[in-house]
Amino acid sequence: MNDQQLTPKQQKVVDEFESARPGLGAIAERNIRNNDKTGWAEIIADTPEDELVAREGSSTNSFMYPRIGG
């Protein structure tokens, strides 16, 4: 895991996740620091800063989950 200080954009992502739901900031930071497995640091670097905001919304999921049991 990478122990370097987060860039301002990366810190903004962590803060946005934390403000959306307490506890998610730590998960976001872990994903940023594990960039070799997640790619989050590159995604954040390639995203314009004005798009790095938490928004409320909903989505539909048409994926059918397999059912186990009766």
N, C-alpha and C. Protein backbone atom coordinates (compact mmCIF):
# COMPACT_ATOMS: atom_id res chain seq x y z
N MET A 1 0.84 -1.18 0.00
CA MET A 1 0.00 0.00 0.00
C MET A 1 0.88 1.23 0.00
N ASN A 2 0.44 2.26 -0.67
CA ASN A 2 1.17 3.52 -0.83
C ASN A 2 0.88 4.43 0.36
N ASP A 3 1.95 4.87 1.06
CA ASP A 3 1.78 5.74 2.22
C ASP A 3 2.05 7.21 1.91
N GLN A 4 2.18 7.55 0.62
CA GLN A 4 2.40 8.95 0.24
C GLN A 4 1.19 9.79 0.59
N GLN A 5 1.45 11.10 0.75
CA GLN A 5 0.34 12.02 1.00
C GLN A 5 -0.55 12.08 -0.24
N LEU A 6 -1.85 12.19 -0.02
CA LEU A 6 -2.79 12.28 -1.13
C LEU A 6 -2.66 13.62 -1.82
N THR A 7 -2.91 13.63 -3.13
CA THR A 7 -2.94 14.89 -3.87
C THR A 7 -4.20 15.65 -3.46
N PRO A 8 -4.27 16.95 -3.75
CA PRO A 8 -5.50 17.69 -3.43
C PRO A 8 -6.74 17.09 -4.07
N LYS A 9 -6.64 16.62 -5.31
CA LYS A 9 -7.80 16.01 -5.97
C LYS A 9 -8.19 14.70 -5.29
N GLN A 10 -7.20 13.91 -4.91
CA GLN A 10 -7.50 12.65 -4.22
C GLN A 10 -8.14 12.92 -2.86
N GLN A 11 -7.64 13.93 -2.15
CA GLN A 11 -8.22 14.27 -0.86
C GLN A 11 -9.65 14.76 -1.03
N LYS A 12 -9.92 15.48 -2.11
CA LYS A 12 -11.28 15.94 -2.37
C LYS A 12 -12.21 14.76 -2.56
N VAL A 13 -11.76 13.73 -3.27
CA VAL A 13 -12.57 12.53 -3.48
C VAL A 13 -12.87 11.87 -2.13
N VAL A 14 -11.85 11.73 -1.29
CA VAL A 14 -12.05 11.14 0.03
C VAL A 14 -13.07 11.95 0.82
N ASP A 15 -12.92 13.28 0.80
CA ASP A 15 -13.84 14.15 1.54
C ASP A 15 -15.27 14.06 1.01
N GLU A 16 -15.42 13.99 -0.30
CA GLU A 16 -16.75 13.88 -0.91
C GLU A 16 -17.43 12.57 -0.51
N PHE A 17 -16.67 11.47 -0.56
CA PHE A 17 -17.24 10.19 -0.14
C PHE A 17 -17.63 10.23 1.34
N GLU A 18 -16.77 10.82 2.17
CA GLU A 18 -17.05 10.88 3.60
C GLU A 18 -18.27 11.73 3.88
N SER A 19 -18.43 12.83 3.13
CA SER A 19 -19.60 13.69 3.35
C SER A 19 -20.88 13.02 2.87
N ALA A 20 -20.77 12.16 1.86
CA ALA A 20 -21.95 11.45 1.35
C ALA A 20 -22.43 10.42 2.36
N ARG A 21 -21.47 9.75 2.99
CA ARG A 21 -21.82 8.73 3.99
C ARG A 21 -20.60 8.47 4.86
N PRO A 22 -20.69 8.78 6.15
CA PRO A 22 -19.55 8.57 7.03
C PRO A 22 -19.03 7.13 6.93
N GLY A 23 -17.72 7.03 6.80
CA GLY A 23 -17.07 5.73 6.67
C GLY A 23 -16.63 5.43 5.25
N LEU A 24 -17.29 6.03 4.26
CA LEU A 24 -16.91 5.78 2.87
C LEU A 24 -15.60 6.46 2.50
N GLY A 25 -15.25 7.52 3.22
CA GLY A 25 -13.98 8.21 2.95
C GLY A 25 -12.79 7.28 3.16
N ALA A 26 -12.84 6.47 4.21
CA ALA A 26 -11.75 5.53 4.49
C ALA A 26 -11.65 4.48 3.39
N ILE A 27 -12.79 4.05 2.89
CA ILE A 27 -12.79 3.07 1.79
C ILE A 27 -12.22 3.69 0.53
N ALA A 28 -12.61 4.93 0.24
CA ALA A 28 -12.08 5.63 -0.93
C ALA A 28 -10.57 5.80 -0.82
N GLU A 29 -10.10 6.20 0.36
CA GLU A 29 -8.65 6.37 0.55
C GLU A 29 -7.91 5.06 0.35
N ARG A 30 -8.46 3.98 0.86
CA ARG A 30 -7.83 2.67 0.69
C ARG A 30 -7.76 2.30 -0.80
N ASN A 31 -8.83 2.59 -1.55
CA ASN A 31 -8.82 2.29 -2.98
C ASN A 31 -7.82 3.16 -3.73
N ILE A 32 -7.66 4.41 -3.32
CA ILE A 32 -6.68 5.29 -3.96
C ILE A 32 -5.27 4.76 -3.68
N ARG A 33 -5.00 4.41 -2.44
CA ARG A 33 -3.67 3.93 -2.06
C ARG A 33 -3.34 2.56 -2.67
N ASN A 34 -4.35 1.76 -2.97
CA ASN A 34 -4.15 0.47 -3.63
C ASN A 34 -4.32 0.61 -5.14
N ASN A 35 -3.82 1.70 -5.68
CA ASN A 35 -4.01 2.02 -7.08
C ASN A 35 -3.55 0.93 -8.03
N ASP A 36 -2.51 0.19 -7.66
CA ASP A 36 -2.02 -0.85 -8.56
C ASP A 36 -3.07 -1.93 -8.80
N LYS A 37 -4.03 -2.05 -7.89
CA LYS A 37 -5.12 -3.02 -8.06
C LYS A 37 -6.43 -2.38 -8.52
N THR A 38 -6.64 -1.09 -8.14
CA THR A 38 -7.93 -0.46 -8.39
C THR A 38 -7.93 0.54 -9.55
N GLY A 39 -6.81 1.20 -9.77
CA GLY A 39 -6.74 2.23 -10.81
C GLY A 39 -7.36 3.56 -10.41
N TRP A 40 -7.78 3.70 -9.15
CA TRP A 40 -8.46 4.91 -8.71
C TRP A 40 -7.62 6.16 -8.89
N ALA A 41 -6.32 6.10 -8.59
CA ALA A 41 -5.48 7.31 -8.69
C ALA A 41 -5.46 7.84 -10.12
N GLU A 42 -5.35 6.95 -11.09
CA GLU A 42 -5.35 7.38 -12.49
C GLU A 42 -6.71 7.95 -12.89
N ILE A 43 -7.77 7.31 -12.45
CA ILE A 43 -9.11 7.79 -12.77
C ILE A 43 -9.31 9.20 -12.21
N ILE A 44 -8.88 9.40 -10.96
CA ILE A 44 -9.01 10.72 -10.34
C ILE A 44 -8.16 11.75 -11.08
N ALA A 45 -6.95 11.38 -11.43
CA ALA A 45 -6.06 12.30 -12.15
C ALA A 45 -6.65 12.71 -13.49
N ASP A 46 -7.36 11.80 -14.15
CA ASP A 46 -7.94 12.07 -15.47
C ASP A 46 -9.30 12.76 -15.41
N THR A 47 -9.89 12.89 -14.22
CA THR A 47 -11.21 13.49 -14.07
C THR A 47 -11.08 14.97 -13.76
N PRO A 48 -11.79 15.84 -14.49
CA PRO A 48 -11.76 17.27 -14.16
C PRO A 48 -12.22 17.49 -12.72
N GLU A 49 -11.56 18.40 -12.02
CA GLU A 49 -11.85 18.61 -10.60
C GLU A 49 -13.30 19.01 -10.35
N ASP A 50 -13.92 19.75 -11.26
CA ASP A 50 -15.30 20.17 -11.05
C ASP A 50 -16.29 19.00 -11.12
N GLU A 51 -15.85 17.85 -11.61
CA GLU A 51 -16.70 16.66 -11.65
C GLU A 51 -16.53 15.78 -10.42
N LEU A 52 -15.61 16.13 -9.54
CA LEU A 52 -15.35 15.34 -8.35
C LEU A 52 -16.24 15.80 -7.20
N VAL A 53 -17.53 15.57 -7.33
CA VAL A 53 -18.50 15.97 -6.32
C VAL A 53 -19.47 14.82 -6.07
N ALA A 54 -19.91 14.74 -4.83
CA ALA A 54 -20.92 13.74 -4.47
C ALA A 54 -22.29 14.28 -4.85
N ARG A 55 -23.10 13.45 -5.46
CA ARG A 55 -24.45 13.84 -5.85
C ARG A 55 -25.41 12.78 -5.38
N GLU A 56 -26.62 13.21 -5.08
CA GLU A 56 -27.65 12.24 -4.74
C GLU A 56 -28.33 11.81 -6.02
N GLY A 57 -28.77 10.59 -6.04
CA GLY A 57 -29.46 10.10 -7.21
C GLY A 57 -29.89 8.67 -7.00
N SER A 58 -30.45 8.10 -8.01
CA SER A 58 -30.86 6.71 -7.93
C SER A 58 -30.54 6.05 -9.26
N SER A 59 -30.51 4.77 -9.23
CA SER A 59 -30.26 4.03 -10.46
C SER A 59 -31.09 2.76 -10.42
N THR A 60 -31.32 2.23 -11.58
CA THR A 60 -32.02 0.96 -11.66
C THR A 60 -30.98 -0.11 -11.98
N ASN A 61 -31.22 -1.28 -11.50
CA ASN A 61 -30.30 -2.37 -11.73
C ASN A 61 -31.10 -3.51 -12.35
N SER A 62 -30.82 -3.79 -13.58
CA SER A 62 -31.57 -4.84 -14.27
C SER A 62 -30.85 -6.19 -14.16
N PHE A 63 -29.73 -6.22 -13.47
CA PHE A 63 -29.01 -7.48 -13.31
C PHE A 63 -29.81 -8.42 -12.43
N MET A 64 -29.94 -9.65 -12.86
CA MET A 64 -30.67 -10.65 -12.09
C MET A 64 -29.69 -11.44 -11.24
N TYR A 65 -29.88 -11.38 -9.94
CA TYR A 65 -29.02 -12.11 -9.03
C TYR A 65 -29.49 -13.55 -8.91
N PRO A 66 -28.59 -14.52 -8.92
CA PRO A 66 -29.02 -15.90 -8.74
C PRO A 66 -29.56 -16.08 -7.32
N ARG A 67 -30.56 -16.87 -7.21
CA ARG A 67 -31.20 -17.10 -5.92
C ARG A 67 -30.72 -18.43 -5.37
N ILE A 68 -30.35 -18.41 -4.11
CA ILE A 68 -29.90 -19.64 -3.46
C ILE A 68 -30.93 -20.05 -2.44
N GLY A 69 -31.32 -21.29 -2.44
CA GLY A 69 -32.29 -21.79 -1.47
C GLY A 69 -33.70 -21.75 -2.01
N GLY A 70 -34.65 -21.94 -1.13
CA GLY A 70 -36.03 -22.08 -1.53
C GLY A 70 -36.74 -20.80 -1.48
